[in-house]
């Protein structure tokens, strides 16, 4: 049987329920969580059809090809041209971009929740995000200095991040519990392999900055456009919308963790995991160049080859974890296993001095990334509060768990690289060991969640 159920019936958007009151006793909180789980279990959210699933997978693949390929290789190459020998600047650039998104993501989520148009709440932001995203790629490709390069990355974070955020908001709006693991596995696989294909696609264009950035971007535009034009979203003009003051908007940036403890534990676990992942990935190109004794411009082919092999590992982690978590109705064991695998792989890479050990460690890390990211995304949808009214808001708050690490992580990584070394040396071993400890802790924190097995 095809693991993805087909259903050609139109999707019916649930009618929003009133926001909960500010003061609720513990029993009422537990009843609210149980009611949300019964809501899903009762089938109030119908299964989405195969067209929705596959165009969602393709759209997220496109976003990550356009958005993460620069982080994987293009930014490093441009930085090496503009500021040779100053790889620590990459941390400042990526950190600034993540800080900007951290400050704007909840606002964008609330804005999306409250948007009322004939084409729905989410699609207008996907279209606008693509426009800003393409502009950002041109800015980075033509940047005359490091400052403009950093400005381009901030625009990329905002534009492509808005597209991705609203794709994920759509899954919160429409996926029933029984399909979350499968869809998270497929999209998790797609988002992990997309940068690999992006590097492979651009490996012959390292001498042409414009093509280096725009070729992956063109793929992203095509695939997101397919989702926007071919996947239906209900007219949102009839949905209720309360007045929102400036103070009310600012309050939506925060919430009381005591009201939603499982969401809070998931947030913390994700924060630790992505902090470790950021430490591991920010300086990948420079790390490989250091360990293999080559110039950073020469590692694109190596990273592309390794990434191609890693596709199988990511597939096993994302699809295996996602589908099995649905089948056995268990999330936490797969999230913990993913964090543990990543930690083992990172330690192996930290201790490596030749290509075979780098390959082995990288493949283990890829398996762990695929499993953690896929199943934790399904787990997030299981514990997400107020899905029918404030899904975008809480998805934006969840974004803090990735944007804070992406903002602070590169700065911390730049400092760790200088610990215990002199001259032009960099302490990559310490960096990867710290990263391993963080991703392992991120997996273990998930065990505190009570409402999901």
Protein backbone atom coordinates (compact mmCIF):
# COMPACT_ATOMS: atom_id res chain seq x y z
CA UNK A 1 0.00 0.00 0.00
CA UNK A 2 1.21 3.46 -0.82
CA UNK A 3 2.26 5.01 2.52
CA UNK A 4 0.82 8.34 1.42
CA UNK A 5 -2.97 8.23 1.38
CA UNK A 6 -4.65 9.83 -1.59
CA UNK A 7 -7.76 11.86 -1.09
CA UNK A 8 -9.21 14.08 -3.76
CA UNK A 9 -11.77 15.65 -1.46
CA UNK A 10 -11.34 19.42 -0.92
CA UNK A 11 -9.61 20.52 2.27
CA UNK A 12 -11.93 22.11 4.83
CA UNK A 13 -10.26 24.67 7.08
CA UNK A 14 -11.40 24.25 10.70
CA UNK A 15 -13.34 27.19 12.15
CA UNK A 16 -11.09 29.13 14.54
CA UNK A 17 -11.94 28.84 18.21
CA UNK A 18 -11.68 31.72 20.68
CA UNK A 19 -8.28 32.39 22.23
CA UNK A 20 -7.90 30.92 25.72
CA UNK A 21 -8.08 33.22 28.67
CA UNK A 22 -4.91 34.45 30.31
CA UNK A 23 -5.43 32.61 33.61
CA UNK A 24 -6.11 28.89 33.48
CA UNK A 25 -5.67 26.31 36.20
CA UNK A 26 -3.52 23.19 35.61
CA UNK A 27 -6.54 20.90 35.11
CA UNK A 28 -7.92 23.20 32.44
CA UNK A 29 -4.53 23.26 30.72
CA UNK A 30 -4.42 19.45 30.66
CA UNK A 31 -7.99 19.31 29.35
CA UNK A 32 -7.09 21.76 26.58
CA UNK A 33 -4.14 19.64 25.46
CA UNK A 34 -6.29 16.49 25.55
CA UNK A 35 -8.98 18.24 23.52
CA UNK A 36 -6.48 19.21 20.83
CA UNK A 37 -5.23 15.63 20.60
CA UNK A 38 -8.80 14.33 20.39
CA UNK A 39 -9.50 16.93 17.72
CA UNK A 40 -6.79 15.41 15.53
CA UNK A 41 -7.55 11.81 16.47
CA UNK A 42 -11.20 12.27 15.61
CA UNK A 43 -10.27 13.20 12.07
CA UNK A 44 -11.40 16.85 12.25
CA UNK A 45 -8.40 17.59 10.05
CA UNK A 46 -8.92 15.39 6.99
CA UNK A 47 -6.01 13.69 5.30
CA UNK A 48 -4.32 15.80 2.67
CA UNK A 49 -4.02 14.38 -0.81
CA UNK A 50 -0.87 13.28 -2.59
CA UNK A 51 -0.68 16.45 -4.69
CA UNK A 52 -0.42 18.61 -1.58
CA UNK A 53 2.30 16.39 -0.12
CA UNK A 54 4.53 16.19 -3.17
CA UNK A 55 4.29 19.87 -4.09
CA UNK A 56 5.05 20.70 -0.44
CA UNK A 57 8.15 18.49 -0.61
CA UNK A 58 9.27 20.08 -3.88
CA UNK A 59 8.67 23.61 -2.59
CA UNK A 60 10.75 23.06 0.54
CA UNK A 61 13.44 21.42 -1.57
CA UNK A 62 13.51 24.54 -3.75
CA UNK A 63 13.71 26.93 -0.81
CA UNK A 64 16.64 25.09 0.71
CA UNK A 65 18.47 24.86 -2.60
CA UNK A 66 18.12 28.62 -3.09
CA UNK A 67 18.76 29.55 0.53
CA UNK A 68 21.25 27.07 1.99
CA UNK A 69 23.51 26.56 -1.03
CA UNK A 70 25.05 30.01 -0.36
CA UNK A 71 25.68 29.01 3.25
CA UNK A 72 27.20 25.68 2.16
CA UNK A 73 29.69 27.07 -0.34
CA UNK A 74 28.80 30.32 -2.19
CA UNK A 75 29.19 32.68 0.77
CA UNK A 76 32.56 31.15 1.65
CA UNK A 77 33.83 31.63 -1.90
CA UNK A 78 32.61 35.25 -2.08
CA UNK A 79 34.05 36.02 1.35
CA UNK A 80 37.40 34.53 0.33
CA UNK A 81 37.38 36.90 -2.67
CA UNK A 82 36.43 39.99 -0.66
CA UNK A 83 38.35 39.31 2.59
CA UNK A 84 40.89 36.50 2.08
CA UNK A 85 42.16 34.82 5.24
CA UNK A 86 39.35 36.23 7.41
CA UNK A 87 36.97 33.29 7.59
CA UNK A 88 35.74 34.37 11.05
CA UNK A 89 33.81 37.15 9.26
CA UNK A 90 31.48 34.45 7.93
CA UNK A 91 30.26 33.99 11.49
CA UNK A 92 29.45 37.68 11.80
CA UNK A 93 27.53 37.70 8.50
CA UNK A 94 25.43 34.63 9.22
CA UNK A 95 24.89 35.76 12.80
CA UNK A 96 23.55 39.15 11.67
CA UNK A 97 21.12 37.48 9.30
CA UNK A 98 19.81 35.13 11.96
CA UNK A 99 19.43 38.02 14.44
CA UNK A 100 17.27 39.92 11.97
CA UNK A 101 15.01 36.91 11.42
CA UNK A 102 14.79 36.30 15.16
CA UNK A 103 13.40 39.81 15.65
CA UNK A 104 10.94 39.66 12.74
CA UNK A 105 9.72 36.03 12.58
CA UNK A 106 6.90 36.23 15.18
CA UNK A 107 5.64 39.45 13.59
CA UNK A 108 5.60 37.75 10.18
CA UNK A 109 3.77 34.78 11.70
CA UNK A 110 1.11 36.97 13.33
CA UNK A 111 0.74 38.95 10.11
CA UNK A 112 0.26 35.73 8.16
CA UNK A 113 -2.33 34.44 10.67
CA UNK A 114 -4.31 37.64 10.28
CA UNK A 115 -4.05 38.06 6.50
CA UNK A 116 -7.38 37.98 4.70
CA UNK A 117 -7.18 37.52 0.91
CA UNK A 118 -8.88 35.54 -1.84
CA UNK A 119 -5.81 33.30 -2.13
CA UNK A 120 -5.58 32.57 1.59
CA UNK A 121 -3.31 33.53 4.47
CA UNK A 122 -0.06 31.83 3.48
CA UNK A 123 0.38 32.19 -0.27
CA UNK A 124 0.81 36.01 -0.38
CA UNK A 125 3.85 35.67 1.89
CA UNK A 126 5.33 32.90 -0.25
CA UNK A 127 5.11 35.17 -3.30
CA UNK A 128 6.55 38.23 -1.54
CA UNK A 129 9.28 36.15 0.08
CA UNK A 130 10.42 34.84 -3.30
CA UNK A 131 10.78 38.38 -4.67
CA UNK A 132 12.95 39.45 -1.72
CA UNK A 133 14.85 36.16 -1.88
CA UNK A 134 15.86 36.56 -5.53
CA UNK A 135 16.91 40.16 -4.90
CA UNK A 136 19.12 38.98 -2.04
CA UNK A 137 20.96 36.52 -4.29
CA UNK A 138 21.79 39.27 -6.78
CA UNK A 139 23.03 41.53 -3.96
CA UNK A 140 25.35 38.81 -2.63
CA UNK A 141 26.63 37.89 -6.07
CA UNK A 142 27.50 41.51 -6.98
CA UNK A 143 28.56 42.69 -3.50
CA UNK A 144 31.61 44.99 -3.74
CA UNK A 145 32.52 44.56 -0.07
CA UNK A 146 31.85 42.49 3.04
CA UNK A 147 29.18 44.89 4.36
CA UNK A 148 27.02 44.55 1.23
CA UNK A 149 27.58 40.79 1.25
CA UNK A 150 26.21 40.72 4.79
CA UNK A 151 23.24 42.88 3.80
CA UNK A 152 22.46 40.41 1.02
CA UNK A 153 22.47 37.53 3.49
CA UNK A 154 20.09 39.40 5.80
CA UNK A 155 17.69 39.83 2.87
CA UNK A 156 18.07 36.14 2.01
CA UNK A 157 17.20 35.13 5.56
CA UNK A 158 14.13 37.35 5.49
CA UNK A 159 12.89 36.49 2.01
CA UNK A 160 13.47 32.76 1.78
CA UNK A 161 12.81 32.38 5.50
CA UNK A 162 9.36 33.91 4.99
CA UNK A 163 8.63 31.44 2.19
CA UNK A 164 9.73 28.49 4.32
CA UNK A 165 7.84 29.73 7.36
CA UNK A 166 4.57 29.91 5.47
CA UNK A 167 5.06 26.49 3.90
CA UNK A 168 5.44 25.15 7.44
CA UNK A 169 2.44 27.19 8.60
CA UNK A 170 0.47 25.44 5.89
CA UNK A 171 1.41 22.03 7.31
CA UNK A 172 0.26 23.20 10.76
CA UNK A 173 -3.04 24.32 9.22
CA UNK A 174 -3.75 21.14 7.30
CA UNK A 175 -1.89 18.00 8.41
CA UNK A 176 -3.65 15.50 10.69
CA UNK A 177 -1.55 13.69 13.29
CA UNK A 178 -1.43 10.44 11.31
CA UNK A 179 0.35 12.10 8.36
CA UNK A 180 2.76 14.38 10.20
CA UNK A 181 5.63 11.93 10.51
CA UNK A 182 5.44 10.87 6.87
CA UNK A 183 5.31 14.43 5.55
CA UNK A 184 8.01 15.60 7.97
CA UNK A 185 10.19 12.70 6.85
CA UNK A 186 9.76 13.56 3.19
CA UNK A 187 10.30 17.29 3.65
CA UNK A 188 13.16 16.64 6.07
CA UNK A 189 14.84 14.48 3.46
CA UNK A 190 14.24 17.11 0.78
CA UNK A 191 15.62 20.00 2.82
CA UNK A 192 18.76 18.09 3.75
CA UNK A 193 19.62 16.93 0.24
CA UNK A 194 18.71 20.21 -1.48
CA UNK A 195 21.96 22.01 -0.56
CA UNK A 196 23.90 18.95 -1.75
CA UNK A 197 22.28 19.20 -5.15
CA UNK A 198 22.83 22.95 -5.02
CA UNK A 199 26.56 22.48 -4.53
CA UNK A 200 26.69 19.84 -7.28
CA UNK A 201 24.74 22.12 -9.61
CA UNK A 202 27.06 25.08 -9.03
CA UNK A 203 30.42 23.31 -8.79
CA UNK A 204 31.27 24.35 -12.35
CA UNK A 205 30.43 28.02 -11.73
CA UNK A 206 32.74 28.91 -8.84
CA UNK A 207 34.37 31.51 -11.10
CA UNK A 208 31.08 33.25 -11.95
CA UNK A 209 29.55 34.81 -8.84
CA UNK A 210 26.21 35.66 -10.45
CA UNK A 211 25.54 32.14 -11.72
CA UNK A 212 26.86 30.67 -8.47
CA UNK A 213 23.97 32.30 -6.60
CA UNK A 214 21.23 32.54 -9.23
CA UNK A 215 21.17 28.96 -10.54
CA UNK A 216 20.03 27.49 -7.18
CA UNK A 217 17.73 30.49 -6.78
CA UNK A 218 16.01 29.79 -10.11
CA UNK A 219 15.25 26.24 -8.98
CA UNK A 220 13.73 27.61 -5.78
CA UNK A 221 11.50 30.06 -7.66
CA UNK A 222 10.19 27.39 -10.03
CA UNK A 223 9.36 24.85 -7.33
CA UNK A 224 7.74 27.32 -4.91
CA UNK A 225 5.71 28.78 -7.79
CA UNK A 226 4.37 25.30 -8.55
CA UNK A 227 3.08 25.01 -4.98
CA UNK A 228 1.57 28.50 -4.98
CA UNK A 229 -0.26 27.99 -8.27
CA UNK A 230 -1.26 24.32 -8.09
CA UNK A 231 -2.12 23.77 -4.40
CA UNK A 232 -5.43 25.25 -3.31
CA UNK A 233 -5.77 27.38 -0.20
CA UNK A 234 -9.17 28.56 0.96
CA UNK A 235 -10.26 32.19 0.71
CA UNK A 236 -9.48 33.69 4.13
CA UNK A 237 -11.53 36.88 3.82
CA UNK A 238 -14.38 35.43 5.85
CA UNK A 239 -12.26 34.46 8.86
CA UNK A 240 -12.68 36.56 12.02
CA UNK A 241 -9.96 39.02 12.94
CA UNK A 242 -9.73 40.90 16.23
CA UNK A 243 -8.19 44.35 16.52
CA UNK A 244 -4.50 44.24 17.38
CA UNK A 245 -2.64 47.04 19.13
CA UNK A 246 1.12 47.58 19.17
CA UNK A 247 1.21 46.30 22.74
CA UNK A 248 -0.84 43.27 21.75
CA UNK A 249 1.57 42.54 18.91
CA UNK A 250 4.60 42.73 21.20
CA UNK A 251 2.92 40.37 23.67
CA UNK A 252 2.55 37.82 20.90
CA UNK A 253 6.35 37.54 20.80
CA UNK A 254 6.22 35.73 24.15
CA UNK A 255 4.01 33.22 25.91
CA UNK A 256 3.77 31.61 29.35
CA UNK A 257 5.79 28.36 29.22
CA UNK A 258 3.73 26.98 32.12
CA UNK A 259 0.62 26.92 29.94
CA UNK A 260 2.25 24.78 27.26
CA UNK A 261 5.06 22.80 28.94
CA UNK A 262 5.45 20.22 26.17
CA UNK A 263 5.81 22.93 23.53
CA UNK A 264 8.40 24.57 25.79
CA UNK A 265 10.48 21.39 26.21
CA UNK A 266 10.40 20.83 22.48
CA UNK A 267 11.53 24.44 21.98
CA UNK A 268 14.50 23.95 24.31
CA UNK A 269 15.51 20.65 22.71
CA UNK A 270 15.36 22.20 19.26
CA UNK A 271 17.38 25.21 20.47
CA UNK A 272 20.22 23.03 21.79
CA UNK A 273 20.20 20.84 18.69
CA UNK A 274 20.37 23.73 16.24
CA UNK A 275 23.00 25.51 18.29
CA UNK A 276 25.21 22.45 17.93
CA UNK A 277 24.32 22.07 14.26
CA UNK A 278 25.20 25.71 13.60
CA UNK A 279 28.61 25.27 15.23
CA UNK A 280 29.13 22.20 13.06
CA UNK A 281 28.07 23.62 9.70
CA UNK A 282 29.07 27.31 9.64
CA UNK A 283 32.73 26.62 8.90
CA UNK A 284 32.35 23.35 6.97
CA UNK A 285 34.19 24.56 3.87
CA UNK A 286 37.06 26.03 5.89
CA UNK A 287 37.19 22.91 8.11
CA UNK A 288 37.58 20.57 5.16
CA UNK A 289 40.20 22.84 3.61
CA UNK A 290 42.12 22.86 6.91
CA UNK A 291 42.06 19.10 7.42
CA UNK A 292 42.86 18.23 3.81
CA UNK A 293 45.51 20.91 3.37
CA UNK A 294 43.91 22.61 0.35
CA UNK A 295 42.55 26.07 -0.46
CA UNK A 296 38.89 26.74 0.32
CA UNK A 297 38.14 27.24 -3.39
CA UNK A 298 39.20 23.62 -4.00
CA UNK A 299 36.81 21.95 -1.57
CA UNK A 300 33.58 22.55 -3.51
CA UNK A 301 34.07 19.35 -5.47
CA UNK A 302 34.95 17.38 -2.33
CA UNK A 303 31.90 18.66 -0.45
CA UNK A 304 29.68 17.95 -3.46
CA UNK A 305 30.96 14.38 -3.75
CA UNK A 306 30.61 13.76 -0.04
CA UNK A 307 27.16 15.31 -0.07
CA UNK A 308 26.10 13.05 -2.91
CA UNK A 309 27.10 10.00 -0.90
CA UNK A 310 25.40 11.49 2.14
CA UNK A 311 22.06 11.51 0.33
CA UNK A 312 21.59 7.86 1.26
CA UNK A 313 22.34 8.57 4.92
CA UNK A 314 19.92 11.50 5.07
CA UNK A 315 17.30 9.39 3.32
CA UNK A 316 17.64 6.61 5.87
CA UNK A 317 17.40 9.04 8.78
CA UNK A 318 14.59 11.29 7.56
CA UNK A 319 12.35 8.80 5.80
CA UNK A 320 13.04 5.94 8.18
CA UNK A 321 12.50 8.05 11.27
CA UNK A 322 9.48 9.90 9.91
CA UNK A 323 7.57 6.90 8.59
CA UNK A 324 8.39 4.67 11.56
CA UNK A 325 7.38 7.34 14.05
CA UNK A 326 3.92 7.41 12.44
CA UNK A 327 3.72 3.65 12.27
CA UNK A 328 4.64 3.06 15.92
CA UNK A 329 3.09 6.33 17.14
CA UNK A 330 6.32 7.24 18.90
CA UNK A 331 8.38 10.37 18.36
CA UNK A 332 10.81 10.80 21.26
CA UNK A 333 12.92 7.68 20.74
CA UNK A 334 13.71 8.73 17.17
CA UNK A 335 14.55 12.30 18.17
CA UNK A 336 16.95 11.09 20.88
CA UNK A 337 18.55 8.59 18.49
CA UNK A 338 19.05 11.32 15.89
CA UNK A 339 20.84 13.55 18.40
CA UNK A 340 23.05 10.68 19.57
CA UNK A 341 24.05 9.76 16.01
CA UNK A 342 24.98 13.34 15.25
CA UNK A 343 27.12 13.56 18.38
CA UNK A 344 29.04 10.40 17.46
CA UNK A 345 29.65 11.64 13.93
CA UNK A 346 30.82 15.08 15.07
CA UNK A 347 33.32 13.61 17.54
CA UNK A 348 34.68 11.35 14.80
CA UNK A 349 35.10 14.34 12.50
CA UNK A 350 36.79 16.32 15.28
CA UNK A 351 39.40 13.58 15.67
CA UNK A 352 39.91 12.98 11.94
CA UNK A 353 42.95 13.95 9.96
CA UNK A 354 42.25 12.30 6.61
CA UNK A 355 39.42 11.94 4.12
CA UNK A 356 38.14 8.43 5.07
CA UNK A 357 37.43 9.44 8.68
CA UNK A 358 35.88 12.72 7.53
CA UNK A 359 33.57 10.75 5.23
CA UNK A 360 32.58 8.28 7.96
CA UNK A 361 31.85 11.03 10.47
CA UNK A 362 29.95 13.10 7.93
CA UNK A 363 27.70 10.17 6.95
CA UNK A 364 26.82 9.46 10.58
CA UNK A 365 26.05 13.16 11.12
CA UNK A 366 23.83 13.17 8.01
CA UNK A 367 21.83 10.19 9.30
CA UNK A 368 21.31 11.92 12.63
CA UNK A 369 20.32 15.24 11.06
CA UNK A 370 17.76 13.54 8.85
CA UNK A 371 16.19 11.62 11.72
CA UNK A 372 16.13 14.46 14.25
CA UNK A 373 14.89 17.19 11.94
CA UNK A 374 12.13 15.08 10.41
CA UNK A 375 10.69 13.56 13.56
CA UNK A 376 11.07 16.71 15.65
CA UNK A 377 9.08 18.61 13.02
CA UNK A 378 6.26 16.08 13.42
CA UNK A 379 6.61 16.33 17.19
CA UNK A 380 6.34 20.12 16.96
CA UNK A 381 3.02 19.84 15.12
CA UNK A 382 1.81 17.40 17.80
CA UNK A 383 2.45 19.90 20.63
CA UNK A 384 1.86 23.20 18.77
CA UNK A 385 -0.62 25.35 20.77
CA UNK A 386 -3.66 27.12 19.35
CA UNK A 387 -3.32 25.61 15.87
CA UNK A 388 -6.57 26.99 14.46
CA UNK A 389 -5.98 30.63 15.41
CA UNK A 390 -2.29 31.30 16.11
CA UNK A 391 -0.33 28.63 14.24
CA UNK A 392 1.85 31.24 12.50
CA UNK A 393 2.56 32.99 15.79
CA UNK A 394 3.73 29.84 17.56
CA UNK A 395 5.65 28.66 14.50
CA UNK A 396 7.37 32.05 14.60
CA UNK A 397 8.19 31.58 18.29
CA UNK A 398 9.52 28.14 17.40
CA UNK A 399 11.72 29.92 14.89
CA UNK A 400 13.54 31.52 17.84
CA UNK A 401 14.89 28.04 18.58
CA UNK A 402 16.73 28.07 15.25
CA UNK A 403 17.32 31.79 14.67
CA UNK A 404 18.96 32.42 18.06
CA UNK A 405 21.50 29.62 17.47
CA UNK A 406 22.03 30.84 13.90
CA UNK A 407 22.63 34.33 15.26
CA UNK A 408 24.76 33.57 18.30
CA UNK A 409 26.26 30.27 17.14
CA UNK A 410 28.61 31.69 14.48
CA UNK A 411 29.87 34.31 16.93
CA UNK A 412 30.47 31.62 19.56
CA UNK A 413 32.07 29.39 16.94
CA UNK A 414 34.44 32.18 15.89
CA UNK A 415 35.54 32.53 19.52
CA UNK A 416 35.93 28.76 20.04
CA UNK A 417 38.16 28.53 16.96
CA UNK A 418 40.69 30.82 18.70
CA UNK A 419 40.84 28.90 22.00
CA UNK A 420 44.26 27.40 22.71
CA UNK A 421 45.83 28.28 19.35
CA UNK A 422 48.23 30.92 18.11
CA UNK A 423 48.92 32.61 14.83
CA UNK A 424 46.61 31.62 12.00
CA UNK A 425 45.61 28.22 13.46
CA UNK A 426 41.99 27.38 14.25
CA UNK A 427 40.76 24.90 16.92
CA UNK A 428 38.27 22.94 14.82
CA UNK A 429 38.50 19.88 17.09
CA UNK A 430 37.16 21.78 20.10
CA UNK A 431 34.44 23.36 17.97
CA UNK A 432 33.10 19.99 16.81
CA UNK A 433 33.26 18.44 20.30
CA UNK A 434 31.23 21.31 21.79
CA UNK A 435 28.76 20.90 18.93
CA UNK A 436 28.45 17.18 19.69
CA UNK A 437 27.62 17.85 23.35
CA UNK A 438 24.90 20.32 22.39
CA UNK A 439 23.09 18.09 19.87
CA UNK A 440 23.14 15.19 22.32
CA UNK A 441 21.64 17.40 25.04
CA UNK A 442 19.00 18.57 22.57
CA UNK A 443 17.84 15.01 22.01
CA UNK A 444 17.76 14.17 25.70
CA UNK A 445 15.66 17.23 26.61
CA UNK A 446 12.86 15.90 24.40
CA UNK A 447 12.36 13.08 26.91
CA UNK A 448 10.71 15.63 29.24
CA UNK A 449 7.68 15.88 26.94
CA UNK A 450 4.70 14.07 28.49
CA UNK A 451 1.82 14.30 26.02
CA UNK A 452 3.64 12.52 23.18
CA UNK A 453 5.35 9.15 23.35
